[in-house]
Structure formats: C-alpha cells, structure tokens
C-alpha cells in the first residue's frame, strides 16, 4: 500500500495510490496519516478498502510529506563504504548518528531554499524509514516489525555549515526545506527486503548518484536495533540511512548546487521526487 498526503502545506488530506497509480482520497476513512495511524491494525484496515471506489484526486495537486507530525529525524552518516571513501573518512565501526531539525521537513516536490551565506549546498538520496510502533531495546531479528514503511528522502546538506568552523553536522543539515520526503509511504509488506533497493539522483538531468542498499555498511534492521539502545523510537519517527557515492562534495573539484538547479531522485519500489533550488526570500 502506498499512502500519501496531498493539498496545500499545512492543510494536507490523507490519500492512497490505487493499482493504476491514481491518487484516491482517504478522508472518509482516516483523519490523517500520522503517528496515531501507523499501527499495524489501522494499516491493515486501510489496505482492505476498495481503493478504486474512493474519490479521485486531480493528478496536479501538491503532495505533502506522506506522514504528518514527524517527531524526530535520526540520520546515519557514512553508511556506504564507497561514500565514506569519497568523503575521505574512515569506514565507521558503528553507526554515525546525527539529528536533523523537524522544521527541515517538506513535501517531495517542494522547492529547496538556499540558505543565506550558503556556498556549498549539496544533495544526498537516502532510504527513509518511518517507525510504526515504539522501539526500545529491540533485537535486530525483530527490528523490521517496528517499521510502518519506507520513503525517499533528500538529505540536503550545506557542507560549509556542516564541516567548517565548529563542524556541527546538525547545523549543516537542518535549514528549512533540507528534508524533502515522499512521494508516498510504502508499507513494509511491499518491501520484504530493504537491502535490495536501487537508489539514484540526477542534477539537471545528469545522473550523479547510483547505488544500492545492498552496499550499506549497517543494515536497516541493525540501525533500528542500534538506535533503540540509545533512544526510544516512536511511531512517526523518521530514520534516514545514509547515501551512496556521487555527492557534490565528492567530485574533484567539488560541485555544489546553484539557484535554479533541479534534483530528481528515486528508489526502486518507492517512487521518485524532485526539487528545484530557489533563493532565500531575504535575498530576492
């Protein structure tokens, strides 16, 4: 099942894709798609509906983040060995964990705002995990049972903010619009093996990232289990799992985003999203 939210920012309604890829309205059956609606019983009830009988939503309506009220974003850095190499960093012995501000979340095709004073704006296609039920000291063998579903995430990064000066990753990852999420929440039953997904990202039509989740250093199950030893994961939390090689900082010389450039990215089975870089309003 592929759940989504559609409509103007802050006023999104719940929806679902039918077998033909048509957006259908779920408002008569569910108030929203958020932490309270991600438990297995609710997802099973929705999956049993006849989607083709639901009202059709125009295809040009804006998509919002597929889950509302994401409470925290936990990110894993350097989780692909070839990306660690292009970054000039050692392969980590345990997951590298950092956070992104929840105010960075935006719709899958919304514009990305270039921060004031930005000089090194970069892209990162990542597999996103949406937690469906509380996970605390979870065994790796049981970890995937705590997943509601998966999505595509662009972990937008400002490298100068991230690595220069005081070098705080959260500072370079948390600007408004730095976490486009979507286009749908694909429930876990449709993704039996999250370590068998292809990832890609293009800038202005040029493919720059090509990867596979099979090359993750730490698997999805390991990441969930590991994080649950250090914090309680709750329904609606978003975990992003690292990026394959091909980020702008890895080019020689480095290549960074400019106003007007467009990123297109996707993951097999999860869909595609796209964002265009725009100038901050204070600089218009």
Protein backbone atom coordinates (compact mmCIF):
# COMPACT_ATOMS: atom_id res chain seq x y z
CA UNK A 1 0.00 0.00 0.00
CA UNK A 2 1.23 3.47 -0.89
CA UNK A 3 -0.10 6.16 1.41
CA UNK A 4 0.32 9.89 0.83
CA UNK A 5 -0.88 13.31 1.85
CA UNK A 6 -1.99 15.92 -0.65
CA UNK A 7 -3.01 19.59 -0.67
CA UNK A 8 -1.60 22.94 0.35
CA UNK A 9 1.11 22.99 3.02
CA UNK A 10 -0.43 22.72 6.46
CA UNK A 11 -3.81 21.62 5.06
CA UNK A 12 -2.97 18.22 3.58
CA UNK A 13 -5.50 15.41 3.39
CA UNK A 14 -4.81 11.66 3.52
CA UNK A 15 -4.70 9.68 0.30
CA UNK A 16 -3.60 6.44 -1.28
CA UNK A 17 -2.43 5.28 -4.70
CA UNK A 18 -4.65 2.71 -6.38
CA UNK A 19 -3.34 -0.09 -8.60
CA UNK A 20 -3.23 2.25 -11.61
CA UNK A 21 -1.26 4.89 -9.72
CA UNK A 22 -4.26 7.21 -9.35
CA UNK A 23 -4.45 9.25 -6.13
CA UNK A 24 -7.58 8.46 -4.11
CA UNK A 25 -8.97 10.38 -1.15
CA UNK A 26 -8.97 8.60 2.22
CA UNK A 27 -10.63 11.39 4.22
CA UNK A 28 -13.81 9.37 4.83
CA UNK A 29 -11.82 6.57 6.44
CA UNK A 30 -8.97 8.26 8.28
CA UNK A 31 -8.35 11.72 9.73
CA UNK A 32 -4.70 11.98 8.68
CA UNK A 33 -1.59 9.89 8.21
CA UNK A 34 0.47 10.50 11.33
CA UNK A 35 1.84 8.70 14.38
CA UNK A 36 -1.62 7.67 15.57
CA UNK A 37 -2.48 6.00 12.26
CA UNK A 38 0.66 3.92 11.72
CA UNK A 39 -0.10 0.89 13.87
CA UNK A 40 -0.50 -2.44 12.07
CA UNK A 41 -4.24 -2.71 12.74
CA UNK A 42 -5.02 0.64 11.13
CA UNK A 43 -2.79 -0.06 8.14
CA UNK A 44 -4.47 -3.45 7.67
CA UNK A 45 -7.92 -1.81 7.80
CA UNK A 46 -6.92 0.70 5.14
CA UNK A 47 -5.35 -1.98 2.95
CA UNK A 48 -8.67 -3.86 2.90
CA UNK A 49 -10.52 -0.92 1.30
CA UNK A 50 -11.57 -0.91 -2.34
CA UNK A 51 -9.32 1.95 -3.44
CA UNK A 52 -10.92 2.27 -6.90
CA UNK A 53 -14.23 3.17 -5.23
CA UNK A 54 -12.72 6.15 -3.40
CA UNK A 55 -12.94 9.72 -4.78
CA UNK A 56 -10.24 10.52 -7.33
CA UNK A 57 -7.82 13.38 -6.62
CA UNK A 58 -6.53 15.51 -9.52
CA UNK A 59 -3.02 14.47 -10.52
CA UNK A 60 -1.66 18.01 -10.34
CA UNK A 61 -2.47 18.56 -6.65
CA UNK A 62 0.60 19.18 -4.48
CA UNK A 63 1.98 16.27 -2.46
CA UNK A 64 2.89 16.90 1.14
CA UNK A 65 5.17 14.82 3.36
CA UNK A 66 3.49 11.38 3.47
CA UNK A 67 3.46 11.38 7.29
CA UNK A 68 2.33 14.30 9.45
CA UNK A 69 3.85 15.28 12.78
CA UNK A 70 7.18 13.51 12.33
CA UNK A 71 8.60 13.99 15.82
CA UNK A 72 12.27 13.42 15.22
CA UNK A 73 14.62 12.77 12.34
CA UNK A 74 17.54 10.49 13.13
CA UNK A 75 20.18 10.25 10.42
CA UNK A 76 23.01 7.82 9.81
CA UNK A 77 26.19 9.19 8.25
CA UNK A 78 28.82 7.43 6.14
CA UNK A 79 26.74 4.27 5.81
CA UNK A 80 28.05 3.29 2.36
CA UNK A 81 31.71 2.33 2.19
CA UNK A 82 32.21 3.96 -1.21
CA UNK A 83 30.67 7.22 0.05
CA UNK A 84 32.94 7.20 3.10
CA UNK A 85 35.89 6.80 0.74
CA UNK A 86 34.86 9.73 -1.46
CA UNK A 87 34.45 11.83 1.70
CA UNK A 88 37.97 10.93 2.81
CA UNK A 89 36.68 9.40 6.03
CA UNK A 90 37.30 6.02 7.61
CA UNK A 91 34.62 3.33 7.42
CA UNK A 92 32.84 3.61 10.77
CA UNK A 93 32.92 0.71 13.22
CA UNK A 94 29.42 1.57 14.45
CA UNK A 95 26.69 3.82 13.04
CA UNK A 96 27.44 7.54 12.91
CA UNK A 97 24.32 9.22 14.29
CA UNK A 98 23.16 12.82 13.97
CA UNK A 99 19.83 14.64 14.01
CA UNK A 100 18.01 16.94 11.62
CA UNK A 101 15.50 19.54 12.82
CA UNK A 102 11.87 18.60 12.19
CA UNK A 103 11.40 22.06 10.64
CA UNK A 104 13.52 20.86 7.70
CA UNK A 105 10.73 18.52 6.55
CA UNK A 106 8.98 19.47 3.33
CA UNK A 107 6.95 17.90 0.56
CA UNK A 108 8.60 15.63 -2.00
CA UNK A 109 8.46 18.14 -4.85
CA UNK A 110 8.63 21.42 -2.94
CA UNK A 111 11.44 23.88 -3.62
CA UNK A 112 14.67 23.73 -1.62
CA UNK A 113 15.62 27.13 -0.20
CA UNK A 114 19.30 28.07 -0.40
CA UNK A 115 20.27 29.49 2.99
CA UNK A 116 21.66 32.99 3.34
CA UNK A 117 25.50 32.77 3.19
CA UNK A 118 25.35 29.29 1.66
CA UNK A 119 28.35 28.40 -0.53
CA UNK A 120 28.36 24.59 -0.56
CA UNK A 121 24.82 23.26 -0.98
CA UNK A 122 24.80 19.51 -1.65
CA UNK A 123 22.45 16.60 -2.36
CA UNK A 124 22.07 13.09 -0.85
CA UNK A 125 19.49 10.48 -1.90
CA UNK A 126 18.60 8.28 1.07
CA UNK A 127 16.26 5.48 2.06
CA UNK A 128 13.88 6.72 4.74
CA UNK A 129 12.33 4.50 7.42
CA UNK A 130 9.10 5.52 9.16
CA UNK A 131 8.70 3.84 12.54
CA UNK A 132 5.25 2.36 13.18
CA UNK A 133 5.40 1.40 16.84
CA UNK A 134 7.61 2.08 19.86
CA UNK A 135 11.06 0.52 19.67
CA UNK A 136 13.20 0.38 22.82
CA UNK A 137 16.00 -2.19 23.20
CA UNK A 138 14.76 -4.07 20.14
CA UNK A 139 16.59 -7.16 18.89
CA UNK A 140 17.82 -6.96 15.32
CA UNK A 141 15.73 -10.02 14.42
CA UNK A 142 12.56 -8.18 15.45
CA UNK A 143 13.53 -4.70 14.29
CA UNK A 144 11.70 -4.63 10.95
CA UNK A 145 8.40 -5.41 12.70
CA UNK A 146 8.61 -1.89 14.13
CA UNK A 147 8.62 -0.31 10.66
CA UNK A 148 5.44 1.22 9.21
CA UNK A 149 7.01 1.77 5.82
CA UNK A 150 9.66 3.38 3.66
CA UNK A 151 10.08 6.54 1.59
CA UNK A 152 12.56 8.55 -0.46
CA UNK A 153 14.46 11.34 1.30
CA UNK A 154 16.84 14.01 0.01
CA UNK A 155 19.21 14.79 2.88
CA UNK A 156 20.10 18.29 1.68
CA UNK A 157 23.36 19.44 3.24
CA UNK A 158 25.29 22.70 3.44
CA UNK A 159 28.88 21.44 3.65
CA UNK A 160 30.45 24.67 4.87
CA UNK A 161 27.95 24.80 7.75
CA UNK A 162 28.43 21.09 8.39
CA UNK A 163 32.21 20.69 8.27
CA UNK A 164 33.87 24.08 8.61
CA UNK A 165 34.11 26.31 11.66
CA UNK A 166 32.77 24.34 14.61
CA UNK A 167 31.90 21.47 12.26
CA UNK A 168 28.49 20.51 13.62
CA UNK A 169 26.57 18.19 11.29
CA UNK A 170 23.14 19.19 12.60
CA UNK A 171 23.92 22.79 11.65
CA UNK A 172 24.55 21.84 8.03
CA UNK A 173 21.51 19.56 7.77
CA UNK A 174 18.64 21.43 9.41
CA UNK A 175 17.75 24.51 7.36
CA UNK A 176 14.12 24.82 6.32
CA UNK A 177 13.37 22.55 3.29
CA UNK A 178 16.50 20.42 3.86
CA UNK A 179 14.44 17.22 4.23
CA UNK A 180 12.13 16.57 1.27
CA UNK A 181 10.21 13.33 2.00
CA UNK A 182 7.94 11.20 -0.18
CA UNK A 183 6.37 10.75 -2.60
CA UNK A 184 4.47 8.09 -0.63
CA UNK A 185 4.80 5.93 2.45
CA UNK A 186 5.22 2.45 1.01
CA UNK A 187 4.18 0.00 3.71
CA UNK A 188 6.69 -2.60 4.79
CA UNK A 189 4.75 -5.54 3.31
CA UNK A 190 5.63 -4.20 -0.16
CA UNK A 191 9.35 -4.06 0.67
CA UNK A 192 10.25 -7.51 2.04
CA UNK A 193 13.99 -6.81 1.74
CA UNK A 194 15.06 -3.19 2.29
CA UNK A 195 18.65 -4.26 1.49
CA UNK A 196 17.74 -4.85 -2.15
CA UNK A 197 16.78 -1.38 -3.38
CA UNK A 198 18.34 0.77 -6.10
CA UNK A 199 18.91 4.47 -5.38
CA UNK A 200 19.68 7.28 -7.83
CA UNK A 201 19.86 11.05 -8.09
CA UNK A 202 20.29 13.41 -11.05
CA UNK A 203 21.05 17.13 -11.17
CA UNK A 204 19.65 18.96 -14.20
CA UNK A 205 19.24 15.62 -15.94
CA UNK A 206 22.79 14.37 -15.27
CA UNK A 207 23.00 11.19 -13.19
CA UNK A 208 25.38 11.82 -10.31
CA UNK A 209 24.40 9.16 -7.76
CA UNK A 210 23.77 5.48 -8.44
CA UNK A 211 23.75 2.98 -5.60
CA UNK A 212 22.12 0.02 -3.95
CA UNK A 213 21.06 -0.51 -0.36
CA UNK A 214 22.81 -3.89 -0.50
CA UNK A 215 26.07 -1.94 0.00
CA UNK A 216 25.02 -0.37 3.27
CA UNK A 217 27.61 -0.88 5.99
CA UNK A 218 24.83 -1.18 8.59
CA UNK A 219 21.51 -2.72 7.54
CA UNK A 220 18.08 -1.24 8.23
CA UNK A 221 17.44 -3.84 10.93
CA UNK A 222 20.81 -3.16 12.56
CA UNK A 223 20.23 0.60 12.51
CA UNK A 224 16.83 0.31 14.21
CA UNK A 225 18.16 -2.08 16.84
CA UNK A 226 21.24 0.07 17.44
CA UNK A 227 19.30 3.32 17.78
CA UNK A 228 16.79 1.69 20.12
CA UNK A 229 19.62 1.05 22.58
CA UNK A 230 20.30 4.80 22.76
CA UNK A 231 16.85 6.39 22.43
CA UNK A 232 13.20 5.38 22.30
CA UNK A 233 11.92 5.33 18.74
CA UNK A 234 8.25 6.21 18.46
CA UNK A 235 5.60 5.92 15.78
CA UNK A 236 6.12 8.61 13.19
CA UNK A 237 9.86 8.97 13.74
CA UNK A 238 11.90 9.19 10.53
CA UNK A 239 15.27 7.46 10.18
CA UNK A 240 17.40 8.23 7.14
CA UNK A 241 20.02 5.65 6.40
CA UNK A 242 22.93 7.23 4.54
CA UNK A 243 23.75 7.96 0.91
CA UNK A 244 25.71 6.19 -1.84
CA UNK A 245 28.63 7.92 -3.61
CA UNK A 246 28.22 10.81 -6.01
CA UNK A 247 27.51 13.75 -3.71
CA UNK A 248 28.75 17.12 -4.85
CA UNK A 249 31.48 17.27 -2.23
CA UNK A 250 32.95 14.05 -3.62
CA UNK A 251 33.66 15.43 -7.09
CA UNK A 252 37.12 16.71 -7.97
CA UNK A 253 36.77 19.64 -7.95
CA UNK A 254 33.62 19.67 -5.77
CA UNK A 255 30.31 20.58 -7.42
CA UNK A 256 27.65 22.39 -5.43
CA UNK A 257 24.10 23.44 -6.17
CA UNK A 258 23.11 26.84 -7.53
CA UNK A 259 19.76 28.64 -7.59
CA UNK A 260 17.65 27.28 -10.44
CA UNK A 261 19.11 23.76 -10.50
CA UNK A 262 16.77 20.79 -10.17
CA UNK A 263 17.37 17.47 -8.43
CA UNK A 264 15.45 14.34 -9.40
CA UNK A 265 15.85 11.24 -7.26
CA UNK A 266 14.23 7.92 -6.60
CA UNK A 267 14.39 4.47 -5.06
CA UNK A 268 13.07 1.28 -6.65
CA UNK A 269 9.63 0.41 -5.33
CA UNK A 270 9.28 3.73 -3.51
CA UNK A 271 8.88 6.27 -6.29
CA UNK A 272 10.56 9.48 -7.42
CA UNK A 273 10.72 13.03 -6.07
CA UNK A 274 12.10 16.30 -7.42
CA UNK A 275 13.17 19.67 -6.03
CA UNK A 276 14.40 22.95 -7.51
CA UNK A 277 16.79 25.24 -5.61
CA UNK A 278 15.42 28.73 -5.00
CA UNK A 279 16.85 31.85 -3.41
CA UNK A 280 16.04 32.72 0.19
CA UNK A 281 13.29 35.32 0.40
CA UNK A 282 15.61 37.80 2.14
CA UNK A 283 17.85 37.81 -0.93
CA UNK A 284 15.11 38.18 -3.55
